[in-house]
Amino acid sequence: MSQNAPQNDGGEPLVDRLIREAYSITSRPERLISLFEVAEPQIDGPSSDVSKAQWHFEEAGRLIDEVVPIVGNSFSGFEPSPGMSGEAQLILDKDCRVLDFDGDLFKSGDLRKGQTAPDWIWDPIERDNDQKRVANCLSSREPGFLRLFTRPEDKTGRWFAIQASEKGKSVALSSIQFQWRERTGEKFREALVLTDAELALTRHLVSGGTVRSFAEQRGRSVGTARNQLKILCRKLAINSQQELLMLYTGFAHSLQVMDDDAKDRSHFCARVFREEDGQRIAWEEHGDPAGFPVIYFHPFFEGALFSDEQNAAAREAGLRVLAPWRPYMGETTGNYSRQEMVRDFARRLGPFLEAQGISRCNVLGATAGGPFAMGFLQEHGARVSKAVLAAPSIPFPKWSDLKEVAPGFRRPLQLTRLAPAFARIYVRATVAGTLKGKFDTFIDDFYSESPKDRVYYANSDIRDLIRRCATYTFISQVDGPSEGVVLEASDFSDLCREIDVPVTVAVGKTSTFISTAAYQKFCDRFGFELDNEFHRSGQLVMHDDPRRIFSMLRPATS
């Protein structure tokens, strides 16, 4: 090892420690995050020593395959969703004085034991009622729910279950995550005869929104939204927002929409196009079977599957969405790597479209599917009227360009650019960790600077979608997502050139995963249009407002 190589405080070259961390991941996948921390001093430029770890990354990836079998796994151990924590994060007395609190959750110096809880902790609209609810909980000993904010700059807050202590001298507040399911919501609407507006308000509140954020989203005053909630409560013969949440939660529990054995179901893809040379393209279909065709190039986590809300949005827009599984994923075969893999797949989709009788279509690419969408536009632009790229992965020609990317995404890209075999460890450790119940650990790191996106992965429907996707993605091999990471880490600018189709890049209003400035630079460079008017997310605009995404893909009326 070079004497000039970066070293840690103990004198050990950092690349040697990086190699040790890589091997430790084989038994403890969550140590992937520790590896990132060790690598930080090493990945300050393209001349880094990280490339010396290439062989070891390959070997560690092989060992993970032996220790944690991924191919053909049912992912039945993937936990459905985080629920209420076992311990209270805040304890108050009847006068709302702080007796104890979780400093990892409540991060502010002016929250102190023995002092009255500060004003910023309460929902400004419900503060008086919530403080009475805490006091009444001690006398009535009836549990309930209320929303609190965890720091002064927190704009969304979170729900807490409140319960009196055994001796009745304090109130324990424990963080809880309500779950909104579209199918349950529709049953809830039918049973209680809710209007579209009432269902929208219920969905927003159950999903973690506030009356204020609902008003802002709808362009109304807070007073109007509060009146709407009061009317809804009177209609349902309840008295508060908290009772609305309990009513929905009890309804969802009794309905048991999801089968008891749902966690054991694997995804089966019924559509497989067999090419003349023996290659295969598996694909899903969503939306309106008689609608205008849209070719969808999918992200990693959800694969080619749609949520109920996305499927309904495509159907309402009159679109038939064909979603081919990417190379090396599921039953889709692949050739080559990086840009040549993308171009080869685009060429193979020509006979596929002919077999489906499709001469005209539009194109949608989401996140990691973006490069594949652009490769398709280069090859088949004459077939396409317009395209939407939903928060796509974009090329970063210079090392310094990666500064525009949040750390959770930047670090794996940097390591893979320096040592491509790192992609094998990255994907395998993430999947193996998921099998060991560490999914949220990876999501929290990946979206560390994008809290709006993290909340989507707490939704049980989305988590079940991810689990089912994994059962098919890894049905025969693990290389598809790894090849995707290698592609994203490379400079794939050539895939973005000479596209004559109108392309809209749709991103969150306050995108921090990849900065808005980076997206604007990307659009200016290749002649695309930027639309960053998606307000509820940073990267996951396909979940933020799928109806708007699919309305953008409707064919022009003559």
Protein backbone atom coordinates (compact mmCIF):
# COMPACT_ATOMS: atom_id res chain seq x y z
CA MET A 1 0.00 0.00 0.00
CA SER A 2 1.30 3.45 -0.84
CA GLN A 3 2.83 5.36 2.07
CA ASN A 4 0.89 8.40 0.89
CA ALA A 5 -2.47 6.62 1.10
CA PRO A 6 -5.02 8.25 3.44
CA GLN A 7 -4.93 6.74 6.93
CA ASN A 8 -7.21 6.63 9.95
CA ASP A 9 -6.19 7.76 13.43
CA GLY A 10 -4.63 4.37 14.16
CA GLY A 11 -2.29 4.58 11.17
CA GLU A 12 -4.17 1.97 9.13
CA PRO A 13 -4.65 2.90 5.46
CA LEU A 14 -8.31 3.77 5.01
CA VAL A 15 -8.65 1.57 1.95
CA ASP A 16 -7.63 -1.42 4.13
CA ARG A 17 -10.36 -0.59 6.62
CA LEU A 18 -12.76 -0.14 3.72
CA ILE A 19 -11.98 -3.70 2.63
CA ARG A 20 -12.53 -5.00 6.17
CA GLU A 21 -15.89 -3.24 6.34
CA ALA A 22 -16.86 -4.76 2.98
CA TYR A 23 -16.28 -8.28 4.31
CA SER A 24 -18.12 -7.53 7.57
CA ILE A 25 -21.24 -6.77 5.50
CA THR A 26 -21.52 -10.46 4.61
CA SER A 27 -22.86 -11.23 8.09
CA ARG A 28 -24.23 -7.80 9.03
CA PRO A 29 -25.70 -6.08 5.93
CA GLU A 30 -26.58 -2.93 7.90
CA ARG A 31 -22.83 -2.22 8.17
CA LEU A 32 -23.10 -0.93 4.62
CA ILE A 33 -23.81 2.45 6.19
CA SER A 34 -20.63 2.20 8.28
CA LEU A 35 -18.74 1.44 5.08
CA PHE A 36 -20.04 4.70 3.62
CA GLU A 37 -18.74 6.57 6.67
CA VAL A 38 -15.32 4.93 6.35
CA ALA A 39 -15.22 5.67 2.62
CA GLU A 40 -16.07 9.36 2.96
CA PRO A 41 -12.40 10.51 3.20
CA GLN A 42 -11.49 8.18 0.34
CA ILE A 43 -13.98 9.40 -2.24
CA ASP A 44 -12.94 13.02 -2.52
CA GLY A 45 -11.87 12.66 -6.14
CA PRO A 46 -11.49 10.33 -9.12
CA SER A 47 -7.88 9.55 -8.16
CA SER A 48 -8.97 7.85 -4.93
CA ASP A 49 -7.42 4.57 -3.72
CA VAL A 50 -10.89 2.96 -3.63
CA SER A 51 -10.23 1.29 -6.98
CA LYS A 52 -7.74 -0.96 -5.17
CA ALA A 53 -10.68 -2.60 -3.39
CA GLN A 54 -12.32 -3.77 -6.64
CA TRP A 55 -11.40 -7.47 -6.29
CA HIS A 56 -12.43 -7.51 -2.63
CA PHE A 57 -15.81 -5.97 -3.46
CA GLU A 58 -16.39 -8.76 -5.98
CA GLU A 59 -15.47 -11.40 -3.40
CA ALA A 60 -17.62 -9.84 -0.67
CA GLY A 61 -20.59 -9.78 -3.06
CA ARG A 62 -20.10 -13.48 -3.76
CA LEU A 63 -19.98 -14.24 -0.02
CA ILE A 64 -23.25 -12.36 0.61
CA ASP A 65 -24.88 -14.61 -2.00
CA GLU A 66 -23.73 -17.65 0.01
CA VAL A 67 -24.73 -16.31 3.44
CA VAL A 68 -28.11 -14.80 2.50
CA PRO A 69 -29.82 -16.57 -0.43
CA ILE A 70 -31.62 -13.88 -2.42
CA VAL A 71 -32.51 -15.62 -5.68
CA GLY A 72 -35.95 -17.21 -5.43
CA ASN A 73 -36.59 -15.83 -1.92
CA SER A 74 -40.25 -15.21 -1.00
CA PHE A 75 -39.29 -12.16 1.12
CA SER A 76 -41.93 -13.29 3.61
CA GLY A 77 -39.75 -11.93 6.42
CA PHE A 78 -40.01 -8.39 5.07
CA GLU A 79 -41.87 -6.56 7.84
CA PRO A 80 -45.11 -4.97 6.57
CA SER A 81 -44.74 -1.57 8.20
CA PRO A 82 -43.46 0.22 11.24
CA GLY A 83 -46.15 0.70 13.84
CA MET A 84 -46.29 2.07 17.34
CA SER A 85 -42.99 1.92 19.16
CA GLY A 86 -42.76 -0.08 22.35
CA GLU A 87 -41.59 2.82 24.52
CA ALA A 88 -42.92 6.33 25.06
CA GLN A 89 -40.98 9.16 23.42
CA LEU A 90 -42.45 11.85 25.67
CA ILE A 91 -43.88 11.82 29.21
CA LEU A 92 -45.90 14.78 30.52
CA ASP A 93 -47.73 15.57 33.74
CA LYS A 94 -51.24 17.03 33.95
CA ASP A 95 -49.88 20.56 33.48
CA CYS A 96 -47.92 19.50 30.37
CA ARG A 97 -44.58 19.70 32.13
CA VAL A 98 -41.91 17.47 30.60
CA LEU A 99 -40.97 14.54 32.83
CA ASP A 100 -38.88 12.70 30.24
CA PHE A 101 -38.33 12.63 26.47
CA ASP A 102 -36.43 10.86 23.70
CA GLY A 103 -33.59 13.17 22.68
CA ASP A 104 -33.08 11.33 19.40
CA LEU A 105 -36.61 12.23 18.32
CA PHE A 106 -37.15 15.63 19.95
CA LYS A 107 -34.09 17.60 18.89
CA SER A 108 -34.25 21.05 20.42
CA GLY A 109 -32.39 22.64 23.28
CA ASP A 110 -35.46 24.39 24.68
CA LEU A 111 -37.26 21.10 25.46
CA ARG A 112 -36.13 20.37 29.02
CA LYS A 113 -37.21 18.12 31.87
CA GLY A 114 -39.17 19.92 34.56
CA GLN A 115 -40.30 22.72 32.26
CA THR A 116 -43.58 23.22 30.43
CA ALA A 117 -43.57 21.80 26.91
CA PRO A 118 -42.73 24.66 24.50
CA ASP A 119 -45.37 26.09 22.17
CA TRP A 120 -43.72 24.73 19.01
CA ILE A 121 -44.41 21.15 20.09
CA TRP A 122 -48.20 21.59 19.72
CA ASP A 123 -50.36 21.77 16.62
CA PRO A 124 -51.15 25.53 16.51
CA ILE A 125 -54.75 24.85 15.50
CA GLU A 126 -55.44 22.13 18.08
CA ARG A 127 -53.14 23.27 20.90
CA ASP A 128 -55.79 24.14 23.49
CA ASN A 129 -57.82 21.01 22.78
CA ASP A 130 -54.71 18.81 22.84
CA GLN A 131 -53.55 20.18 26.19
CA LYS A 132 -57.02 19.49 27.61
CA ARG A 133 -56.83 16.01 26.11
CA VAL A 134 -53.60 15.34 28.02
CA ALA A 135 -55.16 16.49 31.30
CA ASN A 136 -58.39 14.56 30.69
CA CYS A 137 -56.43 11.41 29.90
CA LEU A 138 -55.27 11.32 33.53
CA SER A 139 -58.77 11.65 34.94
CA SER A 140 -60.65 9.49 32.43
CA ARG A 141 -57.75 7.09 31.72
CA GLU A 142 -59.04 6.86 28.14
CA PRO A 143 -56.33 6.58 25.47
CA GLY A 144 -56.34 8.72 22.35
CA PHE A 145 -54.22 10.36 19.65
CA LEU A 146 -52.74 13.79 19.07
CA ARG A 147 -50.24 15.39 16.71
CA LEU A 148 -46.97 16.83 17.99
CA PHE A 149 -43.99 18.45 16.31
CA THR A 150 -40.50 17.18 17.08
CA ARG A 151 -38.51 20.38 16.54
CA PRO A 152 -39.27 24.06 15.83
CA GLU A 153 -38.64 23.73 12.07
CA ASP A 154 -40.82 20.60 11.75
CA LYS A 155 -43.67 21.46 9.35
CA THR A 156 -45.55 18.15 9.27
CA GLY A 157 -45.40 16.66 12.77
CA ARG A 158 -46.35 13.10 13.63
CA TRP A 159 -49.09 11.29 15.50
CA PHE A 160 -48.69 10.05 19.07
CA ALA A 161 -50.83 7.66 21.07
CA ILE A 162 -51.52 9.00 24.57
CA GLN A 163 -52.08 6.79 27.58
CA ALA A 164 -52.11 7.41 31.32
CA SER A 165 -49.50 5.70 33.48
CA GLU A 166 -50.55 2.94 35.85
CA LYS A 167 -50.50 5.30 38.84
CA GLY A 168 -52.33 8.01 36.91
CA LYS A 169 -49.71 10.69 37.54
CA SER A 170 -48.29 11.08 34.04
CA VAL A 171 -49.21 10.68 30.38
CA ALA A 172 -47.02 8.63 28.05
CA LEU A 173 -46.94 9.63 24.38
CA SER A 174 -45.70 7.05 21.86
CA SER A 175 -45.11 7.72 18.17
CA ILE A 176 -47.50 5.86 15.90
CA GLN A 177 -47.83 5.50 12.11
CA PHE A 178 -51.33 5.35 10.64
CA GLN A 179 -51.64 3.50 7.35
CA TRP A 180 -53.84 4.57 4.43
CA ARG A 181 -54.87 1.87 1.97
CA GLU A 182 -56.66 2.87 -1.22
CA ARG A 183 -58.85 -0.23 -1.25
CA THR A 184 -59.83 0.26 2.38
CA GLY A 185 -60.46 3.94 1.66
CA GLU A 186 -62.88 3.09 -1.14
CA LYS A 187 -64.75 0.68 1.14
CA PHE A 188 -64.78 3.38 3.84
CA ARG A 189 -66.25 5.85 1.34
CA GLU A 190 -68.94 3.40 0.23
CA ALA A 191 -69.93 2.42 3.76
CA LEU A 192 -70.18 6.00 5.05
CA VAL A 193 -71.31 7.66 1.79
CA LEU A 194 -68.43 10.15 1.65
CA THR A 195 -68.03 12.70 -1.11
CA ASP A 196 -64.79 12.96 -3.11
CA ALA A 197 -63.76 16.00 -1.04
CA GLU A 198 -64.50 14.22 2.26
CA LEU A 199 -62.52 11.17 1.17
CA ALA A 200 -59.62 13.40 0.09
CA LEU A 201 -59.57 15.09 3.51
CA THR A 202 -59.71 11.74 5.32
CA ARG A 203 -56.91 10.35 3.14
CA HIS A 204 -54.77 13.42 3.82
CA LEU A 205 -55.21 13.25 7.59
CA VAL A 206 -54.69 9.48 7.86
CA SER A 207 -51.56 9.77 5.70
CA GLY A 208 -50.05 12.20 8.19
CA GLY A 209 -51.16 15.56 6.81
CA THR A 210 -52.62 18.43 8.78
CA VAL A 211 -55.70 20.59 8.26
CA ARG A 212 -53.35 23.45 7.42
CA SER A 213 -51.38 21.45 4.82
CA PHE A 214 -54.66 20.22 3.30
CA ALA A 215 -55.82 23.82 2.95
CA GLU A 216 -52.52 24.86 1.36
CA GLN A 217 -52.59 21.92 -1.05
CA ARG A 218 -56.13 22.80 -2.14
CA GLY A 219 -55.52 26.55 -2.30
CA ARG A 220 -58.08 27.27 0.43
CA SER A 221 -58.03 29.09 3.74
CA VAL A 222 -57.39 27.14 6.93
CA GLY A 223 -60.83 28.23 8.15
CA THR A 224 -62.51 26.66 5.13
CA ALA A 225 -60.65 23.39 5.67
CA ARG A 226 -61.56 23.37 9.38
CA ASN A 227 -65.22 23.88 8.51
CA GLN A 228 -65.00 20.98 6.07
CA LEU A 229 -63.62 18.79 8.88
CA LYS A 230 -66.40 19.91 11.25
CA ILE A 231 -69.07 19.05 8.67
CA LEU A 232 -67.47 15.64 8.12
CA CYS A 233 -67.36 14.97 11.87
CA ARG A 234 -71.04 15.89 12.27
CA LYS A 235 -71.92 13.60 9.37
CA LEU A 236 -70.08 10.69 11.01
CA ALA A 237 -71.41 11.50 14.51
CA ILE A 238 -67.92 12.04 15.93
CA ASN A 239 -66.36 15.02 17.66
CA SER A 240 -62.76 15.42 16.50
CA GLN A 241 -60.02 14.67 14.03
CA GLN A 242 -58.66 12.09 16.48
CA GLU A 243 -61.98 10.23 16.49
CA LEU A 244 -61.97 10.27 12.67
CA LEU A 245 -58.58 8.53 12.73
CA MET A 246 -59.80 5.96 15.25
CA LEU A 247 -62.95 5.37 13.18
CA TYR A 248 -60.92 4.73 10.02
CA THR A 249 -58.37 2.55 11.83
CA GLY A 250 -61.09 0.43 13.43
CA PHE A 251 -62.89 0.09 10.10
CA ALA A 252 -59.68 -1.00 8.35
CA HIS A 253 -58.90 -3.53 11.07
CA SER A 254 -62.37 -5.11 11.02
CA LEU A 255 -62.53 -5.17 7.24
CA GLN A 256 -59.30 -7.18 6.92
CA VAL A 257 -58.87 -6.22 3.29
CA MET A 258 -55.51 -7.93 3.09
CA ASP A 259 -55.60 -11.73 3.34
CA ASP A 260 -53.88 -13.21 6.37
CA ASP A 261 -51.38 -15.00 4.12
CA ALA A 262 -50.70 -11.99 1.86
CA LYS A 263 -47.12 -11.72 3.07
CA ASP A 264 -46.35 -15.15 1.62
CA ARG A 265 -47.56 -14.38 -1.91
CA SER A 266 -44.98 -13.99 -4.66
CA HIS A 267 -45.53 -12.01 -7.83
CA PHE A 268 -46.18 -13.94 -11.03
CA CYS A 269 -45.79 -12.21 -14.40
CA ALA A 270 -48.15 -13.75 -16.95
CA ARG A 271 -46.80 -11.83 -19.97
CA VAL A 272 -43.51 -12.92 -21.55
CA PHE A 273 -42.50 -12.03 -25.12
CA ARG A 274 -40.17 -14.64 -26.59
CA GLU A 275 -37.77 -13.35 -29.21
CA GLU A 276 -36.53 -15.33 -32.20
CA ASP A 277 -33.06 -15.79 -30.70
CA GLY A 278 -34.43 -17.15 -27.42
CA GLN A 279 -34.24 -13.89 -25.47
CA ARG A 280 -37.25 -12.89 -23.34
CA ILE A 281 -39.00 -9.67 -22.33
CA ALA A 282 -41.47 -9.94 -19.44
CA TRP A 283 -43.95 -7.10 -19.05
CA GLU A 284 -46.88 -5.87 -16.95
CA GLU A 285 -49.95 -3.95 -18.09
CA HIS A 286 -51.82 -1.27 -16.14
CA GLY A 287 -54.58 1.26 -16.71
CA ASP A 288 -57.16 1.04 -19.50
CA PRO A 289 -56.66 -2.04 -21.74
CA ALA A 290 -58.25 -0.12 -24.63
CA GLY A 291 -56.37 3.12 -23.95
CA PHE A 292 -53.56 4.92 -25.75
CA PRO A 293 -50.26 3.04 -25.25
CA VAL A 294 -47.59 4.33 -22.87
CA ILE A 295 -44.30 2.46 -22.48
CA TYR A 296 -43.15 2.66 -18.86
CA PHE A 297 -39.51 2.24 -17.80
CA HIS A 298 -39.59 1.40 -14.13
CA PRO A 299 -37.56 2.23 -10.98
CA PHE A 300 -35.80 -0.31 -8.77
CA PHE A 301 -37.88 -0.69 -5.59
CA GLU A 302 -41.37 -0.97 -7.12
CA GLY A 303 -40.21 -2.53 -10.39
CA ALA A 304 -42.82 -2.71 -13.16
CA LEU A 305 -45.69 -2.93 -10.64
CA PHE A 306 -48.20 -0.15 -9.91
CA SER A 307 -49.97 0.86 -6.73
CA ASP A 308 -53.78 0.94 -6.78
CA GLU A 309 -53.67 4.74 -6.98
CA GLN A 310 -51.28 4.73 -9.94
CA ASN A 311 -53.34 2.12 -11.77
CA ALA A 312 -56.54 4.13 -11.21
CA ALA A 313 -54.83 7.31 -12.42
CA ALA A 314 -53.67 5.63 -15.64
CA ARG A 315 -57.16 4.24 -16.21
CA GLU A 316 -58.81 7.63 -15.64
CA ALA A 317 -56.41 9.18 -18.16
CA GLY A 318 -57.40 6.59 -20.77
CA LEU A 319 -53.91 5.10 -21.00
CA ARG A 320 -52.78 1.53 -21.54
CA VAL A 321 -49.45 1.29 -19.73
CA LEU A 322 -47.05 -1.43 -20.87
CA ALA A 323 -44.20 -1.87 -18.39
CA PRO A 324 -41.37 -4.14 -19.58
CA TRP A 325 -39.14 -5.49 -16.84
CA ARG A 326 -35.62 -4.19 -17.34
CA PRO A 327 -32.72 -6.45 -18.45
CA TYR A 328 -31.58 -9.08 -15.94
CA MET A 329 -34.72 -8.55 -13.83
CA GLY A 330 -37.40 -11.22 -13.44
CA GLU A 331 -37.65 -13.26 -16.63
CA THR A 332 -36.28 -10.51 -18.87
CA THR A 333 -32.91 -11.53 -20.25
CA GLY A 334 -30.11 -9.05 -20.82
CA ASN A 335 -26.98 -8.46 -22.85
CA TYR A 336 -23.92 -6.29 -22.24
CA SER A 337 -23.57 -3.58 -19.60
CA ARG A 338 -24.00 0.16 -19.13
CA GLN A 339 -25.06 2.15 -22.21
CA GLU A 340 -24.75 -0.79 -24.60
CA MET A 341 -27.15 -2.75 -22.40
CA VAL A 342 -29.67 0.11 -22.72
CA ARG A 343 -29.29 0.40 -26.50
CA ASP A 344 -29.60 -3.35 -26.96
CA PHE A 345 -32.80 -3.39 -24.88
CA ALA A 346 -34.22 -0.49 -26.92
CA ARG A 347 -33.57 -2.40 -30.16
CA ARG A 348 -35.23 -5.52 -28.74
CA LEU A 349 -38.36 -3.53 -27.88
CA GLY A 350 -39.00 -2.89 -31.59
CA PRO A 351 -40.24 -6.44 -32.36
CA PHE A 352 -42.03 -6.42 -28.99
CA LEU A 353 -44.08 -3.36 -30.00
CA GLU A 354 -44.81 -4.85 -33.41
CA ALA A 355 -46.13 -8.00 -31.72
CA GLN A 356 -48.46 -5.84 -29.60
CA GLY A 357 -49.69 -3.96 -32.66
CA ILE A 358 -48.35 -0.63 -31.36
CA SER A 359 -47.26 1.91 -33.97
CA ARG A 360 -47.66 5.06 -31.81
CA CYS A 361 -47.06 5.52 -28.09
CA ASN A 362 -45.88 7.89 -25.40
CA VAL A 363 -43.10 7.18 -22.92
CA LEU A 364 -42.75 7.40 -19.13
CA GLY A 365 -39.52 6.78 -17.24
CA ALA A 366 -39.26 6.90 -13.43
CA THR A 367 -36.02 7.42 -11.45
CA ALA A 368 -33.60 4.63 -12.48
CA GLY A 369 -35.78 3.89 -15.51
CA GLY A 370 -34.91 7.32 -16.95
CA PRO A 371 -31.80 6.23 -18.91
CA PHE A 372 -33.77 3.34 -20.46
CA ALA A 373 -36.55 5.73 -21.47
CA MET A 374 -34.04 8.01 -23.21
CA GLY A 375 -32.41 5.06 -24.96
CA PHE A 376 -35.85 4.08 -26.25
CA LEU A 377 -36.51 7.65 -27.47
CA GLN A 378 -33.26 7.61 -29.43
CA GLU A 379 -34.14 4.30 -31.09
CA HIS A 380 -37.90 4.73 -31.58
CA GLY A 381 -38.48 8.49 -31.53
CA ALA A 382 -40.57 8.31 -34.71
CA ARG A 383 -43.18 6.28 -32.80
CA VAL A 384 -43.42 8.68 -29.85
CA SER A 385 -45.41 11.91 -29.47
CA LYS A 386 -44.11 12.96 -26.04
CA ALA A 387 -42.30 11.67 -22.98
CA VAL A 388 -42.26 12.33 -19.24
CA LEU A 389 -39.25 11.55 -17.06
CA ALA A 390 -40.37 11.39 -13.41
CA ALA A 391 -37.43 12.47 -11.22
CA PRO A 392 -35.02 10.55 -13.48
CA SER A 393 -31.46 9.55 -12.79
CA ILE A 394 -29.32 11.98 -14.79
CA PRO A 395 -25.70 11.83 -15.98
CA PHE A 396 -22.94 13.59 -14.04
CA PRO A 397 -20.05 14.07 -16.49
CA LYS A 398 -17.67 15.62 -13.95
CA TRP A 399 -16.82 14.35 -10.49
CA SER A 400 -17.72 17.74 -9.03
CA ASP A 401 -21.25 17.45 -10.48
CA LEU A 402 -22.02 14.76 -7.91
CA LYS A 403 -22.08 17.45 -5.21
CA GLU A 404 -25.61 18.21 -6.46
CA VAL A 405 -26.76 14.80 -5.18
CA ALA A 406 -27.84 13.96 -1.61
CA PRO A 407 -25.31 11.82 0.34
CA GLY A 408 -27.54 8.73 0.48
CA PHE A 409 -27.42 8.49 -3.33
CA ARG A 410 -24.09 10.22 -4.01
CA ARG A 411 -21.88 7.86 -1.98
CA PRO A 412 -22.87 4.62 -3.75
CA LEU A 413 -22.53 6.38 -7.12
CA GLN A 414 -19.05 7.63 -6.24
CA LEU A 415 -17.87 4.26 -4.93
CA THR A 416 -19.29 2.45 -7.97
CA ARG A 417 -17.66 4.92 -10.36
CA LEU A 418 -14.30 4.23 -8.69
CA ALA A 419 -14.80 0.46 -8.27
CA PRO A 420 -17.77 -0.91 -10.29
CA ALA A 421 -17.88 -4.13 -8.25
CA PHE A 422 -19.16 -2.06 -5.33
CA ALA A 423 -22.59 -2.14 -7.01
CA ARG A 424 -22.69 -5.88 -6.26
CA ILE A 425 -22.20 -5.25 -2.54
CA TYR A 426 -24.57 -2.29 -2.49
CA VAL A 427 -27.56 -4.10 -3.98
CA ARG A 428 -26.93 -7.38 -2.18
CA ALA A 429 -26.45 -5.74 1.22
CA THR A 430 -29.61 -3.67 0.80
CA VAL A 431 -31.68 -6.71 -0.15
CA ALA A 432 -30.07 -8.98 2.47
CA GLY A 433 -30.66 -6.31 5.12
CA THR A 434 -34.30 -6.09 4.07
CA LEU A 435 -34.62 -9.83 4.63
CA LYS A 436 -33.26 -9.28 8.15
CA GLY A 437 -35.75 -6.52 8.97
CA LYS A 438 -33.42 -3.57 8.27
CA PHE A 439 -35.31 -2.01 5.36
CA ASP A 440 -35.99 1.24 7.22
CA THR A 441 -32.32 1.58 8.18
CA PHE A 442 -31.39 1.71 4.49
CA ILE A 443 -34.32 3.94 3.52
CA ASP A 444 -33.48 6.45 6.27
CA ASP A 445 -29.90 6.67 4.99
CA PHE A 446 -30.85 6.75 1.30
CA TYR A 447 -33.42 9.53 1.81
CA SER A 448 -31.60 11.23 4.70
CA GLU A 449 -32.13 14.67 3.15
CA SER A 450 -35.54 13.98 1.64
CA PRO A 451 -38.03 13.43 4.51
CA LYS A 452 -41.01 13.95 2.18
CA ASP A 453 -39.94 10.84 0.25
CA ARG A 454 -39.25 8.72 3.34
CA VAL A 455 -42.88 8.86 4.44
CA TYR A 456 -44.03 6.93 1.36
CA TYR A 457 -42.09 3.87 2.46
CA ALA A 458 -43.98 3.77 5.77
CA ASN A 459 -47.18 3.04 3.81
CA SER A 460 -48.03 -0.65 4.12
CA ASP A 461 -49.41 -0.86 0.57
CA ILE A 462 -46.15 0.50 -0.85
CA ARG A 463 -44.10 -1.87 1.30
CA ASP A 464 -46.13 -4.85 0.12
CA LEU A 465 -45.65 -3.66 -3.46
CA ILE A 466 -41.87 -3.57 -2.89
CA ARG A 467 -41.92 -7.05 -1.35
CA ARG A 468 -43.85 -8.52 -4.28
CA CYS A 469 -41.52 -6.76 -6.73
CA ALA A 470 -38.50 -8.30 -5.00
CA THR A 471 -39.94 -11.83 -5.28
CA TYR A 472 -39.99 -11.41 -9.06
CA THR A 473 -36.94 -9.18 -9.62
CA PHE A 474 -34.70 -11.81 -8.03
CA ILE A 475 -36.51 -14.87 -9.35
CA SER A 476 -33.38 -16.13 -11.14
CA GLN A 477 -30.51 -13.67 -10.64
CA VAL A 478 -29.35 -10.59 -8.72
CA ASP A 479 -27.58 -8.71 -11.51
CA GLY A 480 -30.37 -6.45 -12.83
CA PRO A 481 -30.32 -3.81 -10.08
CA SER A 482 -26.51 -4.05 -9.85
CA GLU A 483 -26.20 -3.28 -13.56
CA GLY A 484 -28.59 -0.38 -13.02
CA VAL A 485 -26.33 1.13 -10.34
CA VAL A 486 -23.26 0.74 -12.59
CA LEU A 487 -25.17 2.55 -15.36
CA GLU A 488 -26.28 5.39 -13.07
CA ALA A 489 -22.72 5.83 -11.77
CA SER A 490 -21.35 6.24 -15.30
CA ASP A 491 -21.57 9.28 -17.55
CA PHE A 492 -24.45 8.21 -19.79
CA SER A 493 -24.78 11.60 -21.50
CA ASP A 494 -24.74 9.96 -24.93
CA LEU A 495 -28.15 8.42 -24.17
CA CYS A 496 -29.63 11.91 -23.76
CA ARG A 497 -28.52 13.40 -27.08
CA GLU A 498 -30.36 13.65 -30.40
CA ILE A 499 -33.82 13.15 -28.92
CA ASP A 500 -36.37 14.92 -31.12
CA VAL A 501 -39.38 14.09 -28.94
CA PRO A 502 -40.76 16.72 -26.49
CA VAL A 503 -39.53 15.61 -23.05
CA THR A 504 -40.81 16.92 -19.70
CA VAL A 505 -38.75 16.27 -16.57
CA ALA A 506 -41.12 16.16 -13.56
CA VAL A 507 -39.54 16.67 -10.11
CA GLY A 508 -40.54 17.77 -6.62
CA LYS A 509 -40.86 21.46 -5.83
CA THR A 510 -38.08 21.23 -3.26
CA SER A 511 -36.02 18.39 -4.70
CA THR A 512 -33.04 17.62 -2.48
CA PHE A 513 -32.30 14.08 -3.65
CA ILE A 514 -30.94 15.54 -6.88
CA SER A 515 -30.99 19.32 -6.64
CA THR A 516 -33.41 21.38 -8.70
CA ALA A 517 -30.39 23.28 -10.05
CA ALA A 518 -28.89 20.02 -11.34
CA TYR A 519 -32.16 19.10 -13.04
CA GLN A 520 -32.42 22.55 -14.61
CA LYS A 521 -28.86 22.27 -15.91
CA PHE A 522 -29.69 18.83 -17.32
CA CYS A 523 -32.79 20.17 -19.10
CA ASP A 524 -30.94 23.18 -20.51
CA ARG A 525 -28.15 20.95 -21.78
CA PHE A 526 -30.40 18.56 -23.70
CA GLY A 527 -33.38 20.75 -24.59
CA PHE A 528 -35.91 19.26 -22.17
CA GLU A 529 -38.60 21.10 -20.17
CA LEU A 530 -38.53 21.13 -16.35
CA ASP A 531 -41.77 20.87 -14.34
CA ASN A 532 -41.07 21.08 -10.61
CA GLU A 533 -44.59 21.83 -9.39
CA PHE A 534 -44.98 18.59 -7.43
CA HIS A 535 -45.29 19.75 -3.84
CA ARG A 536 -45.54 16.62 -1.69
CA SER A 537 -42.31 14.86 -2.64
CA GLY A 538 -38.74 15.31 -3.76
CA GLN A 539 -38.02 12.29 -5.95
CA LEU A 540 -41.15 10.12 -5.72
CA VAL A 541 -43.43 12.18 -7.96
CA MET A 542 -44.99 8.97 -9.28
CA HIS A 543 -46.53 8.60 -5.80
CA ASP A 544 -46.95 12.32 -5.16
CA ASP A 545 -49.53 13.00 -7.88
CA PRO A 546 -49.93 10.10 -10.34
CA ARG A 547 -53.07 11.67 -11.83
CA ARG A 548 -51.10 14.70 -12.90
CA ILE A 549 -48.26 12.55 -14.27
CA PHE A 550 -50.63 10.50 -16.42
CA SER A 551 -52.63 13.53 -17.55
CA MET A 552 -49.36 14.83 -19.02
CA LEU A 553 -49.16 11.67 -21.15
CA ARG A 554 -52.60 11.85 -22.73
CA PRO A 555 -52.41 12.01 -26.53
CA ALA A 556 -53.14 15.37 -28.10
CA THR A 557 -56.71 15.64 -29.37
CA SER A 558 -57.05 16.42 -33.05
